Amino acid sequence: MTFKLPKFTPPNFHKDFLKDAPNCKTVEIIKDGVAPSNYHAMSIYPEYFKIDGEWILPTQSRMDCVPVVTDDKRVEVVEFRNLRVGDKVVIGRTEDASEGIYMYTKGFKTLNGNKDAFAFRTGRSRETAFSKDYDELYKRLKYDRDHGHIVWVLGPAVVFDYDTRKALSALVENGYVNAIMAGNAMATHDLEGSYLGTALGQNIYTQESVPNGHYNHLDLLNEARRAGSIENLMAEGKIKDGVVKTCIENNVPLILAGSIRDDGPLPPVIADVYKAQDAMRAQTRKATTVICLATTLHTIATGNMTPSYTVRDGKIRPVYIYNVDISEFAVNKLGDRGSLEVTTIVTNVQDFMVHLKNNLIDNE
């Protein structure tokens, strides 16, 4: 069965409470980076703003940011740090249209007459059967390869295993990866796997620790910094395979955000946290499917930047987000933060990646 996007049903703007609602109010910024009192903060859901009698939906959104009304009646969603003097920020903290602000959560809802108010096993845990989720994911990825923007958020565990590195590289080569967001460790250990056959000092085939293996990632980092770039290291013939190499060869953006505990780091790692955030948001703005694997902090950061919807070709569609981890705590953390509606899969990422490669590529 082919995948079909759910149709977005907009609000009925002829209803009295929407038709008779006032225009939203704005206040101009008087100091860069500081919102006015009673500013409105965005959620993950579609929010409409009434401007000159017309309800306007931002085409790009982000939770915990503020809506700015432009002179041509568009609504831009802006981080506090990016507010500038003269920006017109929407004020008001109700979302029921009474202040010209309306949060709408039912656009993609489907009626299910068989759903009970009380039922067992409605949550997600190690006891959950994820076969249906896999089947849905295969269909969504095949659709979004041609019609969307698939963003991957990776922890280093994804590249600790030979088969997993090979599987992810194959997905990159076959168009299932439009961007990767990670930290210094993921790229370092992927490159270490090619350069020395280890990841954090363990053989990527046997998982056995090698003598003085704790030096290996440092040796790789030192070599990359000597070469000046990963591309230069590749040109020297020292990197022959792996996820990073495949991304570079296929022009897939690789956003590496630095952290306080980084070794090295690799030359392309973005040390400025806000520049890294801007680079990540450039990808989440375009994202239609986001897959987060074994990285709690990067997952939460990405989730906070990703709305529940996006606008492509003038149509409103959902953004699908998957959080995959062996830890139930990790997969549930994003939901606990109120970030978004997310499909969680409790499994090790090595099995997950191989399943995807087998079903998306080998079975085509």
Protein backbone atom coordinates (compact mmCIF):
# COMPACT_ATOMS: atom_id res chain seq x y z
CA MET A 1 0.00 0.00 0.00
CA THR A 2 1.36 3.44 -0.92
CA PHE A 3 1.56 6.21 1.65
CA LYS A 4 -0.96 9.04 1.53
CA LEU A 5 -0.61 12.20 3.57
CA PRO A 6 -3.54 12.99 5.85
CA LYS A 7 -5.55 15.95 4.66
CA PHE A 8 -5.45 19.06 6.81
CA THR A 9 -8.89 20.37 7.71
CA PRO A 10 -8.67 24.10 8.56
CA PRO A 11 -10.84 25.77 11.18
CA ASN A 12 -14.31 26.92 10.21
CA PHE A 13 -13.69 30.64 10.17
CA HIS A 14 -17.41 31.30 9.69
CA LYS A 15 -18.08 30.30 13.30
CA ASP A 16 -19.10 33.31 15.34
CA PHE A 17 -16.22 33.12 17.84
CA LEU A 18 -13.70 33.30 14.99
CA LYS A 19 -15.64 35.66 12.72
CA ASP A 20 -16.31 38.13 15.55
CA ALA A 21 -12.86 37.87 17.16
CA PRO A 22 -10.77 41.06 17.34
CA ASN A 23 -7.53 41.56 15.46
CA CYS A 24 -4.48 40.51 17.41
CA LYS A 25 -2.54 43.27 19.11
CA THR A 26 1.16 43.98 18.58
CA VAL A 27 3.78 45.99 20.42
CA GLU A 28 7.00 47.20 18.82
CA ILE A 29 10.33 46.06 20.21
CA ILE A 30 12.32 48.87 21.83
CA LYS A 31 15.42 46.86 22.74
CA ASP A 32 17.09 44.17 20.68
CA GLY A 33 16.49 40.68 22.04
CA VAL A 34 13.80 41.68 24.55
CA ALA A 35 10.10 40.92 24.03
CA PRO A 36 7.38 43.25 25.37
CA SER A 37 5.34 42.45 28.45
CA ASN A 38 2.52 39.98 27.84
CA TYR A 39 4.23 38.63 24.69
CA HIS A 40 2.67 35.56 23.13
CA ALA A 41 4.83 32.40 23.09
CA MET A 42 4.30 29.77 20.41
CA SER A 43 3.39 26.10 20.86
CA ILE A 44 4.10 23.16 18.54
CA TYR A 45 0.60 23.33 17.03
CA PRO A 46 -0.82 25.51 14.25
CA GLU A 47 -1.69 28.94 15.63
CA TYR A 48 -3.65 31.51 13.66
CA PHE A 49 -3.43 35.27 14.14
CA LYS A 50 -6.15 37.67 13.03
CA ILE A 51 -4.64 40.56 11.09
CA ASP A 52 -6.86 43.17 9.40
CA GLY A 53 -9.81 40.79 9.63
CA GLU A 54 -7.96 37.80 8.15
CA TRP A 55 -6.73 34.72 10.03
CA ILE A 56 -3.06 34.10 9.17
CA LEU A 57 -1.08 30.93 9.85
CA PRO A 58 2.74 31.12 10.06
CA THR A 59 4.29 28.87 7.42
CA GLN A 60 7.20 28.06 9.74
CA SER A 61 6.89 27.78 13.50
CA ARG A 62 8.82 26.88 16.64
CA MET A 63 7.74 26.45 20.25
CA ASP A 64 8.85 28.96 22.90
CA CYS A 65 9.42 31.69 20.30
CA VAL A 66 7.40 34.83 19.58
CA PRO A 67 5.24 35.76 16.57
CA VAL A 68 6.26 38.89 14.69
CA VAL A 69 3.82 40.54 12.25
CA THR A 70 5.46 41.91 9.10
CA ASP A 71 4.34 44.88 7.04
CA ASP A 72 2.95 42.56 4.36
CA LYS A 73 0.72 40.74 6.92
CA ARG A 74 2.86 37.63 7.32
CA VAL A 75 3.66 36.11 10.71
CA GLU A 76 7.28 35.14 11.34
CA VAL A 77 8.20 33.09 14.40
CA VAL A 78 11.38 34.48 15.93
CA GLU A 79 13.67 33.46 18.80
CA PHE A 80 13.97 36.04 21.56
CA ARG A 81 17.65 36.59 20.79
CA ASN A 82 16.79 37.48 17.18
CA LEU A 83 14.21 40.16 17.98
CA ARG A 84 15.16 43.60 16.67
CA VAL A 85 14.01 47.14 17.46
CA GLY A 86 10.88 47.89 15.47
CA ASP A 87 9.67 44.29 15.23
CA LYS A 88 5.93 44.05 15.91
CA VAL A 89 5.41 41.26 18.44
CA VAL A 90 1.97 39.78 19.09
CA ILE A 91 0.83 40.13 22.69
CA GLY A 92 -1.78 38.06 24.51
CA ARG A 93 -1.77 34.78 26.37
CA THR A 94 -5.12 33.29 25.46
CA GLU A 95 -5.45 30.92 22.52
CA ASP A 96 -9.24 30.80 22.13
CA ALA A 97 -9.52 33.67 19.57
CA SER A 98 -10.60 36.19 22.22
CA GLU A 99 -7.38 38.16 21.63
CA GLY A 100 -7.07 37.38 17.94
CA ILE A 101 -4.93 34.30 18.63
CA TYR A 102 -6.26 30.80 17.94
CA MET A 103 -4.47 27.51 18.57
CA TYR A 104 -5.86 24.73 16.41
CA THR A 105 -5.06 21.11 17.27
CA LYS A 106 -7.64 19.19 15.21
CA GLY A 107 -6.40 19.73 11.68
CA PHE A 108 -5.08 16.19 11.21
CA LYS A 109 -7.45 14.39 13.58
CA THR A 110 -9.38 11.40 12.27
CA LEU A 111 -12.58 10.12 13.77
CA ASN A 112 -12.34 6.73 15.48
CA GLY A 113 -15.67 5.52 16.65
CA ASN A 114 -14.15 2.35 18.13
CA LYS A 115 -11.78 4.07 20.50
CA ASP A 116 -12.66 3.49 24.16
CA ALA A 117 -12.26 6.12 26.84
CA PHE A 118 -10.41 3.50 28.88
CA ALA A 119 -8.11 0.86 27.38
CA PHE A 120 -5.03 -1.14 28.33
CA ARG A 121 -1.54 -0.69 26.88
CA THR A 122 -2.08 2.69 25.26
CA GLY A 123 1.41 3.82 26.25
CA ARG A 124 4.78 2.86 24.76
CA SER A 125 7.18 0.47 26.46
CA ARG A 126 9.45 -2.52 25.91
CA GLU A 127 6.27 -4.63 25.78
CA THR A 128 4.94 -2.71 22.79
CA ALA A 129 4.90 -4.40 19.39
CA PHE A 130 6.45 -1.92 16.98
CA SER A 131 5.82 -3.82 13.73
CA LYS A 132 3.04 -1.44 12.70
CA ASP A 133 5.28 1.56 13.40
CA TYR A 134 8.00 0.09 11.20
CA ASP A 135 5.53 -0.49 8.37
CA GLU A 136 4.26 3.08 8.61
CA LEU A 137 7.81 4.43 8.72
CA TYR A 138 8.83 2.53 5.58
CA LYS A 139 5.90 4.06 3.69
CA ARG A 140 6.54 7.56 5.00
CA LEU A 141 10.23 7.48 4.15
CA LYS A 142 9.52 6.26 0.63
CA TYR A 143 7.05 9.12 0.20
CA ASP A 144 9.30 11.76 1.71
CA ARG A 145 12.32 10.67 -0.31
CA ASP A 146 10.48 12.19 -3.29
CA HIS A 147 8.25 14.76 -1.63
CA GLY A 148 9.86 15.83 1.64
CA HIS A 149 12.96 16.55 3.69
CA ILE A 150 14.18 13.74 5.98
CA VAL A 151 16.36 14.86 8.89
CA TRP A 152 18.33 12.42 11.06
CA VAL A 153 19.51 13.23 14.59
CA LEU A 154 22.26 10.83 15.61
CA GLY A 155 24.09 9.79 18.73
CA PRO A 156 27.48 8.04 18.49
CA ALA A 157 25.99 4.57 19.16
CA VAL A 158 24.73 4.62 15.56
CA VAL A 159 28.31 4.25 14.25
CA PHE A 160 29.77 1.82 16.80
CA ASP A 161 28.86 -1.17 14.64
CA TYR A 162 30.05 -2.07 11.13
CA ASP A 163 26.61 -3.15 9.86
CA THR A 164 24.93 -0.02 11.21
CA ARG A 165 27.46 2.30 9.56
CA LYS A 166 27.00 0.41 6.31
CA ALA A 167 23.19 0.55 6.58
CA LEU A 168 23.10 4.29 7.25
CA SER A 169 25.57 4.97 4.45
CA ALA A 170 23.32 3.03 2.07
CA LEU A 171 20.31 5.11 3.15
CA VAL A 172 22.28 8.28 2.40
CA GLU A 173 23.26 6.98 -1.04
CA ASN A 174 19.66 6.06 -1.83
CA GLY A 175 18.15 9.44 -0.96
CA TYR A 176 16.61 8.69 2.42
CA VAL A 177 18.78 11.24 4.25
CA ASN A 178 18.51 14.97 3.48
CA ALA A 179 20.47 16.17 6.51
CA ILE A 180 22.22 14.77 9.58
CA MET A 181 22.46 16.61 12.89
CA ALA A 182 24.82 15.25 15.54
CA GLY A 183 27.69 16.09 17.83
CA ASN A 184 31.45 15.77 17.59
CA ALA A 185 31.39 12.18 18.92
CA MET A 186 29.22 10.67 16.17
CA ALA A 187 31.42 11.99 13.38
CA THR A 188 34.64 11.24 15.28
CA HIS A 189 33.81 7.58 15.87
CA ASP A 190 32.51 7.10 12.35
CA LEU A 191 35.79 8.42 10.97
CA GLU A 192 37.72 6.38 13.54
CA GLY A 193 35.93 3.30 12.23
CA SER A 194 37.29 3.92 8.75
CA TYR A 195 40.75 5.14 9.79
CA LEU A 196 41.54 2.52 12.46
CA GLY A 197 38.69 -0.01 12.34
CA THR A 198 37.49 0.90 15.84
CA ALA A 199 34.89 3.06 17.55
CA LEU A 200 35.97 4.41 20.90
CA GLY A 201 38.74 1.81 20.83
CA GLN A 202 36.54 -1.21 20.14
CA ASN A 203 36.75 -3.18 16.91
CA ILE A 204 33.63 -2.31 14.88
CA TYR A 205 33.27 -5.96 13.75
CA THR A 206 33.95 -7.92 16.95
CA GLN A 207 33.29 -5.20 19.59
CA GLU A 208 36.52 -6.26 21.28
CA SER A 209 38.77 -3.61 22.82
CA VAL A 210 42.14 -3.26 21.11
CA PRO A 211 45.46 -2.45 22.83
CA ASN A 212 45.74 1.27 23.59
CA GLY A 213 42.35 1.69 21.95
CA HIS A 214 41.53 4.67 24.13
CA TYR A 215 44.04 6.60 22.01
CA ASN A 216 42.31 5.84 18.73
CA HIS A 217 39.67 8.57 18.67
CA LEU A 218 42.28 11.09 19.79
CA ASP A 219 44.62 9.98 17.01
CA LEU A 220 41.83 10.40 14.49
CA LEU A 221 40.97 13.87 15.80
CA ASN A 222 44.61 14.87 15.68
CA GLU A 223 44.92 13.67 12.08
CA ALA A 224 41.78 15.54 11.02
CA ARG A 225 42.99 18.74 12.65
CA ARG A 226 46.40 18.33 11.00
CA ALA A 227 44.74 17.90 7.61
CA GLY A 228 42.60 20.96 8.27
CA SER A 229 39.33 19.40 7.14
CA ILE A 230 37.62 16.06 6.73
CA GLU A 231 37.68 16.57 2.97
CA ASN A 232 41.48 16.90 3.06
CA LEU A 233 41.72 13.74 5.16
CA MET A 234 39.58 11.93 2.59
CA ALA A 235 41.77 13.25 -0.23
CA GLU A 236 44.82 11.73 1.51
CA GLY A 237 43.13 8.32 1.26
CA LYS A 238 42.80 7.83 5.01
CA ILE A 239 38.98 7.71 5.07
CA LYS A 240 37.62 5.05 2.75
CA ASP A 241 34.04 4.52 3.95
CA GLY A 242 31.48 5.54 6.54
CA VAL A 243 28.57 7.86 7.13
CA VAL A 244 30.53 11.12 7.12
CA LYS A 245 32.32 10.29 3.86
CA THR A 246 29.06 9.27 2.20
CA CYS A 247 27.36 12.50 3.31
CA ILE A 248 30.18 14.63 1.91
CA GLU A 249 30.22 12.73 -1.38
CA ASN A 250 26.43 13.08 -1.74
CA ASN A 251 26.24 16.75 -0.64
CA VAL A 252 24.13 15.90 2.40
CA PRO A 253 24.45 18.62 5.09
CA LEU A 254 26.19 17.41 8.24
CA ILE A 255 25.47 19.74 11.17
CA LEU A 256 27.87 19.01 14.04
CA ALA A 257 27.07 20.97 17.20
CA GLY A 258 29.82 21.23 19.81
CA SER A 259 29.51 20.62 23.53
CA ILE A 260 31.51 21.41 26.64
CA ARG A 261 32.94 17.87 26.81
CA ASP A 262 34.22 17.56 23.22
CA ASP A 263 37.66 16.21 22.49
CA GLY A 264 39.48 17.87 19.59
CA PRO A 265 37.02 18.75 18.15
CA LEU A 266 36.78 17.92 14.45
CA PRO A 267 37.31 20.96 12.18
CA PRO A 268 33.65 21.32 11.07
CA VAL A 269 32.20 21.23 14.60
CA ILE A 270 30.31 24.46 15.35
CA ALA A 271 31.60 25.74 18.69
CA ASP A 272 29.16 28.67 19.02
CA VAL A 273 25.97 27.16 20.46
CA TYR A 274 23.70 29.74 18.83
CA LYS A 275 25.30 29.34 15.41
CA ALA A 276 24.80 25.61 15.83
CA GLN A 277 21.18 26.18 16.80
CA ASP A 278 20.65 28.36 13.72
CA ALA A 279 22.18 25.68 11.49
CA MET A 280 19.95 23.02 13.06
CA ARG A 281 16.84 25.14 12.75
CA ALA A 282 17.55 25.69 9.06
CA GLN A 283 17.00 21.94 8.68
CA THR A 284 14.01 21.60 11.03
CA ARG A 285 12.27 24.42 9.14
CA LYS A 286 12.31 22.18 6.06
CA ALA A 287 11.80 18.86 7.82
CA THR A 288 8.87 16.59 7.00
CA THR A 289 10.19 13.54 8.87
CA VAL A 290 12.70 13.63 11.74
CA ILE A 291 14.35 10.45 13.05
CA CYS A 292 16.21 10.73 16.36
CA LEU A 293 18.51 7.86 17.33
CA ALA A 294 20.15 7.31 20.73
CA THR A 295 20.83 10.89 21.75
CA THR A 296 18.67 12.43 24.47
CA LEU A 297 20.04 16.00 24.43
CA HIS A 298 20.18 16.41 20.65
CA THR A 299 16.72 14.85 20.41
CA ILE A 300 15.20 17.29 22.90
CA ALA A 301 16.95 20.22 21.22
CA THR A 302 15.63 19.17 17.83
CA GLY A 303 12.17 18.50 19.18
CA ASN A 304 12.00 21.98 20.64
CA MET A 305 12.73 23.41 17.18
CA THR A 306 10.29 21.22 15.26
CA PRO A 307 6.60 22.10 14.95
CA SER A 308 3.83 19.57 14.41
CA TYR A 309 3.19 20.87 10.90
CA THR A 310 4.92 22.41 7.92
CA VAL A 311 3.78 24.05 4.69
CA ARG A 312 5.01 22.54 1.41
CA ASP A 313 3.79 23.57 -2.03
CA GLY A 314 1.15 25.68 -0.35
CA LYS A 315 -0.32 22.75 1.56
CA ILE A 316 -0.27 22.13 5.30
CA ARG A 317 1.06 18.69 6.25
CA PRO A 318 2.19 16.98 9.46
CA VAL A 319 5.82 16.60 10.48
CA TYR A 320 6.49 13.00 11.52
CA ILE A 321 8.97 12.50 14.34
CA TYR A 322 10.47 9.24 15.55
CA ASN A 323 12.51 8.77 18.71
CA VAL A 324 14.41 5.47 18.84
CA ASP A 325 16.40 4.36 21.88
CA ILE A 326 17.00 1.27 23.99
CA SER A 327 15.97 3.29 27.07
CA GLU A 328 12.31 3.94 27.81
CA PHE A 329 13.35 7.02 29.76
CA ALA A 330 15.08 8.45 26.70
CA VAL A 331 12.18 7.94 24.31
CA ASN A 332 9.65 9.34 26.77
CA LYS A 333 11.71 12.38 27.72
CA LEU A 334 10.74 14.34 24.64
CA GLY A 335 7.06 13.95 25.37
CA ASP A 336 7.63 14.92 28.99
CA ARG A 337 9.13 18.21 27.80
CA GLY A 338 5.92 18.99 25.90
CA SER A 339 7.87 19.22 22.68
CA LEU A 340 5.69 17.37 20.22
CA GLU A 341 3.66 14.38 19.23
CA VAL A 342 6.22 11.69 18.56
CA THR A 343 6.33 7.99 17.70
CA THR A 344 8.67 6.18 20.07
CA ILE A 345 10.36 2.85 19.38
CA VAL A 346 12.19 1.06 22.20
CA THR A 347 15.01 -0.92 20.59
CA ASN A 348 18.73 -0.74 19.97
CA VAL A 349 19.58 1.51 17.06
CA GLN A 350 21.74 -1.14 15.40
CA ASP A 351 18.73 -3.41 14.81
CA PHE A 352 16.62 -0.40 13.80
CA MET A 353 19.07 0.73 11.11
CA VAL A 354 19.51 -2.72 9.62
CA HIS A 355 15.71 -3.20 9.49
CA LEU A 356 15.36 0.09 7.59
CA LYS A 357 18.08 -0.78 5.10
CA ASN A 358 16.69 -4.26 4.52
CA ASN A 359 13.16 -3.04 3.89
CA LEU A 360 13.85 0.24 2.07
CA ILE A 361 16.73 -0.82 -0.15
CA ASP A 362 17.21 -4.59 -0.27
CA ASN A 363 13.50 -5.26 -0.82
CA GLU A 364 12.95 -2.62 -3.50
